[in-house]
Amino acid sequence: MIRILSRIAAATLLSFTAVAAHAVDNPTSLAGATVVTPEQARDLQSKGAVVIDARSAAEYAEGHIDGAINVPYKEKSEKKPDFDSSADSVDLAKLPGDKAKPIVTYCNGHDCWKSYKLSIAAMKAGHTKVNWLRDGLPGWKAKGLPVK
């Protein structure tokens, strides 16, 4: 019985290790955009920047940065800086019409690539003041900032 339990425990540990190995942190910088802290994102929001949640509608409904709009980035591409966005989809019409208006994108933190990819899509669409909250919702919550 102990041998069976040991094998189950080992298999479980291996499966957790495999899952963790697939979680890839997103880059620490993004050319053309400004990486911001939760406090900087809150300051930008207070000055009129549009905060954009790149997560799914279901995740947004569970909780989001107070005042954020939801623009889900539907990701099928690889989690790597030179991803091929042709497999992905996002409704860029939901972004501000004024492409000079500051925006702040976010998702679920360092292992979430949706806001990184949305930031790139926004810049390709002509948005000039793109800010990326790399710490995402987890970083925002850790600072005790308002969520809805």
C-alpha atoms as a PDB file:
ATOM      1  CA  MET A   1       0.000   0.000   0.000  1.00  0.00           C
ATOM      2  CA  ILE A   2       2.827   2.409   0.844  1.00  0.00           C
ATOM      3  CA  ARG A   3       4.493   1.625  -2.483  1.00  0.00           C
ATOM      4  CA  ILE A   4       1.267   2.463  -4.366  1.00  0.00           C
ATOM      5  CA  LEU A   5       0.831   5.730  -2.454  1.00  0.00           C
ATOM      6  CA  SER A   6       4.457   6.631  -3.158  1.00  0.00           C
ATOM      7  CA  ARG A   7       3.933   6.071  -6.887  1.00  0.00           C
ATOM      8  CA  ILE A   8       0.769   8.170  -6.874  1.00  0.00           C
ATOM      9  CA  ALA A   9       2.577  10.965  -5.039  1.00  0.00           C
ATOM     10  CA  ALA A  10       5.496  10.812  -7.500  1.00  0.00           C
ATOM     11  CA  ALA A  11       3.156  10.886 -10.508  1.00  0.00           C
ATOM     12  CA  THR A  12       1.275  13.840  -9.040  1.00  0.00           C
ATOM     13  CA  LEU A  13       4.508  15.726  -8.424  1.00  0.00           C
ATOM     14  CA  LEU A  14       5.659  15.051 -11.994  1.00  0.00           C
ATOM     15  CA  SER A  15       2.370  16.317 -13.430  1.00  0.00           C
ATOM     16  CA  PHE A  16       2.631  19.547 -11.406  1.00  0.00           C
ATOM     17  CA  THR A  17       6.216  19.977 -12.580  1.00  0.00           C
ATOM     18  CA  ALA A  18       5.144  19.514 -16.217  1.00  0.00           C
ATOM     19  CA  VAL A  19       2.392  22.105 -15.852  1.00  0.00           C
ATOM     20  CA  ALA A  20       4.779  24.573 -14.221  1.00  0.00           C
ATOM     21  CA  ALA A  21       7.304  24.021 -17.011  1.00  0.00           C
ATOM     22  CA  HIS A  22       4.708  25.186 -19.553  1.00  0.00           C
ATOM     23  CA  ALA A  23       4.010  28.467 -17.719  1.00  0.00           C
ATOM     24  CA  VAL A  24       6.225  30.936 -19.539  1.00  0.00           C
ATOM     25  CA  ASP A  25       6.748  34.403 -18.129  1.00  0.00           C
ATOM     26  CA  ASN A  26       6.083  37.194 -20.582  1.00  0.00           C
ATOM     27  CA  PRO A  27       8.904  39.628 -21.424  1.00  0.00           C
ATOM     28  CA  THR A  28       9.913  42.371 -18.996  1.00  0.00           C
ATOM     29  CA  SER A  29       9.824  45.070 -21.674  1.00  0.00           C
ATOM     30  CA  LEU A  30       7.834  45.893 -24.782  1.00  0.00           C
ATOM     31  CA  ALA A  31       9.283  48.095 -27.527  1.00  0.00           C
ATOM     32  CA  GLY A  32       7.024  51.061 -28.238  1.00  0.00           C
ATOM     33  CA  ALA A  33       5.059  50.704 -25.006  1.00  0.00           C
ATOM     34  CA  THR A  34       5.711  51.708 -21.415  1.00  0.00           C
ATOM     35  CA  VAL A  35       5.719  49.008 -18.748  1.00  0.00           C
ATOM     36  CA  VAL A  36       3.951  50.476 -15.706  1.00  0.00           C
ATOM     37  CA  THR A  37       3.544  49.521 -12.073  1.00  0.00           C
ATOM     38  CA  PRO A  38       0.093  49.206 -10.515  1.00  0.00           C
ATOM     39  CA  GLU A  39       0.545  52.642  -8.908  1.00  0.00           C
ATOM     40  CA  GLN A  40       1.539  54.216 -12.234  1.00  0.00           C
ATOM     41  CA  ALA A  41      -1.439  52.552 -13.935  1.00  0.00           C
ATOM     42  CA  ARG A  42      -3.778  53.969 -11.271  1.00  0.00           C
ATOM     43  CA  ASP A  43      -2.249  57.434 -11.760  1.00  0.00           C
ATOM     44  CA  LEU A  44      -2.697  57.183 -15.536  1.00  0.00           C
ATOM     45  CA  GLN A  45      -6.302  56.062 -15.035  1.00  0.00           C
ATOM     46  CA  SER A  46      -6.971  59.049 -12.762  1.00  0.00           C
ATOM     47  CA  LYS A  47      -5.665  61.298 -15.556  1.00  0.00           C
ATOM     48  CA  GLY A  48      -8.015  59.799 -18.156  1.00  0.00           C
ATOM     49  CA  ALA A  49      -6.208  56.739 -19.513  1.00  0.00           C
ATOM     50  CA  VAL A  50      -8.484  53.889 -20.541  1.00  0.00           C
ATOM     51  CA  VAL A  51      -7.698  50.706 -18.620  1.00  0.00           C
ATOM     52  CA  ILE A  52      -8.253  47.606 -20.748  1.00  0.00           C
ATOM     53  CA  ASP A  53      -8.692  44.077 -19.438  1.00  0.00           C
ATOM     54  CA  ALA A  54      -7.463  41.614 -22.102  1.00  0.00           C
ATOM     55  CA  ARG A  55      -8.858  38.553 -20.290  1.00  0.00           C
ATOM     56  CA  SER A  56     -11.963  36.611 -21.260  1.00  0.00           C
ATOM     57  CA  ALA A  57     -15.425  37.958 -20.522  1.00  0.00           C
ATOM     58  CA  ALA A  58     -15.865  35.264 -17.841  1.00  0.00           C
ATOM     59  CA  GLU A  59     -12.640  36.280 -16.083  1.00  0.00           C
ATOM     60  CA  TYR A  60     -13.635  39.944 -16.320  1.00  0.00           C
ATOM     61  CA  ALA A  61     -17.034  39.142 -14.764  1.00  0.00           C
ATOM     62  CA  GLU A  62     -15.307  37.406 -11.818  1.00  0.00           C
ATOM     63  CA  GLY A  63     -13.419  40.598 -10.976  1.00  0.00           C
ATOM     64  CA  HIS A  64     -11.515  43.365 -12.706  1.00  0.00           C
ATOM     65  CA  ILE A  65      -9.813  46.691 -12.139  1.00  0.00           C
ATOM     66  CA  ASP A  66     -12.503  49.180 -11.216  1.00  0.00           C
ATOM     67  CA  GLY A  67     -13.282  51.260 -14.304  1.00  0.00           C
ATOM     68  CA  ALA A  68     -11.623  48.875 -16.775  1.00  0.00           C
ATOM     69  CA  ILE A  69     -13.259  47.894 -20.037  1.00  0.00           C
ATOM     70  CA  ASN A  70     -13.091  44.351 -21.370  1.00  0.00           C
ATOM     71  CA  VAL A  71     -11.426  43.752 -24.739  1.00  0.00           C
ATOM     72  CA  PRO A  72     -10.759  40.006 -24.732  1.00  0.00           C
ATOM     73  CA  TYR A  73      -7.672  38.914 -26.614  1.00  0.00           C
ATOM     74  CA  LYS A  74      -8.416  35.432 -27.968  1.00  0.00           C
ATOM     75  CA  GLU A  75      -5.021  33.817 -28.008  1.00  0.00           C
ATOM     76  CA  LYS A  76      -4.088  30.749 -30.017  1.00  0.00           C
ATOM     77  CA  SER A  77      -0.519  31.764 -30.845  1.00  0.00           C
ATOM     78  CA  GLU A  78       2.535  30.638 -28.932  1.00  0.00           C
ATOM     79  CA  LYS A  79       3.601  32.385 -25.749  1.00  0.00           C
ATOM     80  CA  LYS A  80       6.760  33.944 -27.134  1.00  0.00           C
ATOM     81  CA  PRO A  81       7.820  37.470 -28.115  1.00  0.00           C
ATOM     82  CA  ASP A  82       7.798  36.773 -31.853  1.00  0.00           C
ATOM     83  CA  PHE A  83       4.338  35.150 -31.844  1.00  0.00           C
ATOM     84  CA  ASP A  84       2.274  34.862 -35.031  1.00  0.00           C
ATOM     85  CA  SER A  85      -0.851  36.917 -34.365  1.00  0.00           C
ATOM     86  CA  SER A  86      -2.672  35.546 -37.421  1.00  0.00           C
ATOM     87  CA  ALA A  87      -4.138  32.747 -35.275  1.00  0.00           C
ATOM     88  CA  ASP A  88      -5.361  35.207 -32.614  1.00  0.00           C
ATOM     89  CA  SER A  89      -8.363  37.516 -32.596  1.00  0.00           C
ATOM     90  CA  VAL A  90      -9.313  40.735 -30.832  1.00  0.00           C
ATOM     91  CA  ASP A  91     -11.945  43.394 -31.507  1.00  0.00           C
ATOM     92  CA  LEU A  92      -9.787  46.505 -31.866  1.00  0.00           C
ATOM     93  CA  ALA A  93     -12.942  48.585 -32.467  1.00  0.00           C
ATOM     94  CA  LYS A  94     -13.450  48.404 -28.680  1.00  0.00           C
ATOM     95  CA  LEU A  95     -10.277  50.453 -28.145  1.00  0.00           C
ATOM     96  CA  PRO A  96     -10.593  54.250 -27.929  1.00  0.00           C
ATOM     97  CA  GLY A  97     -11.205  55.921 -31.286  1.00  0.00           C
ATOM     98  CA  ASP A  98      -8.673  58.595 -30.344  1.00  0.00           C
ATOM     99  CA  LYS A  99      -5.426  56.748 -30.970  1.00  0.00           C
ATOM    100  CA  ALA A 100      -3.470  59.364 -29.010  1.00  0.00           C
ATOM    101  CA  LYS A 101      -5.492  58.641 -25.847  1.00  0.00           C
ATOM    102  CA  PRO A 102      -3.397  56.738 -23.285  1.00  0.00           C
ATOM    103  CA  ILE A 103      -4.378  53.141 -22.671  1.00  0.00           C
ATOM    104  CA  VAL A 104      -3.253  50.652 -20.029  1.00  0.00           C
ATOM    105  CA  THR A 105      -3.558  46.938 -20.834  1.00  0.00           C
ATOM    106  CA  TYR A 106      -3.499  44.125 -18.297  1.00  0.00           C
ATOM    107  CA  CYS A 107      -4.366  40.467 -17.782  1.00  0.00           C
ATOM    108  CA  ASN A 108      -3.377  37.844 -15.188  1.00  0.00           C
ATOM    109  CA  GLY A 109       0.238  38.745 -14.480  1.00  0.00           C
ATOM    110  CA  HIS A 110       3.636  37.533 -15.602  1.00  0.00           C
ATOM    111  CA  ASP A 111       2.539  34.222 -17.107  1.00  0.00           C
ATOM    112  CA  CYS A 112      -0.379  35.779 -19.012  1.00  0.00           C
ATOM    113  CA  TRP A 113       0.471  36.980 -22.512  1.00  0.00           C
ATOM    114  CA  LYS A 114      -2.890  38.445 -23.566  1.00  0.00           C
ATOM    115  CA  SER A 115      -2.176  42.044 -22.514  1.00  0.00           C
ATOM    116  CA  TYR A 116       1.315  41.889 -24.037  1.00  0.00           C
ATOM    117  CA  LYS A 117      -0.198  40.744 -27.329  1.00  0.00           C
ATOM    118  CA  LEU A 118      -3.060  43.254 -27.117  1.00  0.00           C
ATOM    119  CA  SER A 119      -0.530  46.036 -26.562  1.00  0.00           C
ATOM    120  CA  ILE A 120       1.272  45.032 -29.737  1.00  0.00           C
ATOM    121  CA  ALA A 121      -2.005  44.857 -31.674  1.00  0.00           C
ATOM    122  CA  ALA A 122      -2.962  48.329 -30.389  1.00  0.00           C
ATOM    123  CA  MET A 123       0.381  49.784 -31.469  1.00  0.00           C
ATOM    124  CA  LYS A 124       0.087  48.154 -34.914  1.00  0.00           C
ATOM    125  CA  ALA A 125      -3.381  49.746 -35.166  1.00  0.00           C
ATOM    126  CA  GLY A 126      -1.828  53.178 -34.536  1.00  0.00           C
ATOM    127  CA  HIS A 127      -2.265  53.724 -30.797  1.00  0.00           C
ATOM    128  CA  THR A 128       0.636  55.866 -29.645  1.00  0.00           C
ATOM    129  CA  LYS A 129       0.357  55.902 -25.829  1.00  0.00           C
ATOM    130  CA  VAL A 130       0.270  52.254 -24.884  1.00  0.00           C
ATOM    131  CA  ASN A 131       1.057  51.303 -21.293  1.00  0.00           C
ATOM    132  CA  TRP A 132       1.354  47.696 -20.222  1.00  0.00           C
ATOM    133  CA  LEU A 133       0.640  46.646 -16.644  1.00  0.00           C
ATOM    134  CA  ARG A 134       2.833  43.550 -16.678  1.00  0.00           C
ATOM    135  CA  ASP A 135       1.945  42.702 -13.052  1.00  0.00           C
ATOM    136  CA  GLY A 136      -1.688  42.478 -14.167  1.00  0.00           C
ATOM    137  CA  LEU A 137      -4.630  42.013 -11.856  1.00  0.00           C
ATOM    138  CA  PRO A 138      -2.599  40.057  -9.266  1.00  0.00           C
ATOM    139  CA  GLY A 139      -0.161  42.975  -8.906  1.00  0.00           C
ATOM    140  CA  TRP A 140      -3.024  45.475  -8.751  1.00  0.00           C
ATOM    141  CA  LYS A 141      -4.761  43.497  -5.996  1.00  0.00           C
ATOM    142  CA  ALA A 142      -1.479  43.052  -4.078  1.00  0.00           C
ATOM    143  CA  LYS A 143      -1.260  46.851  -3.816  1.00  0.00           C
ATOM    144  CA  GLY A 144      -4.814  47.034  -2.432  1.00  0.00           C
ATOM    145  CA  LEU A 145      -6.096  49.018  -5.405  1.00  0.00           C
ATOM    146  CA  PRO A 146      -9.838  48.985  -6.225  1.00  0.00           C
ATOM    147  CA  VAL A 147     -11.396  46.040  -8.036  1.00  0.00           C
ATOM    148  CA  LYS A 148     -14.965  45.440  -9.006  1.00  0.00           C
END
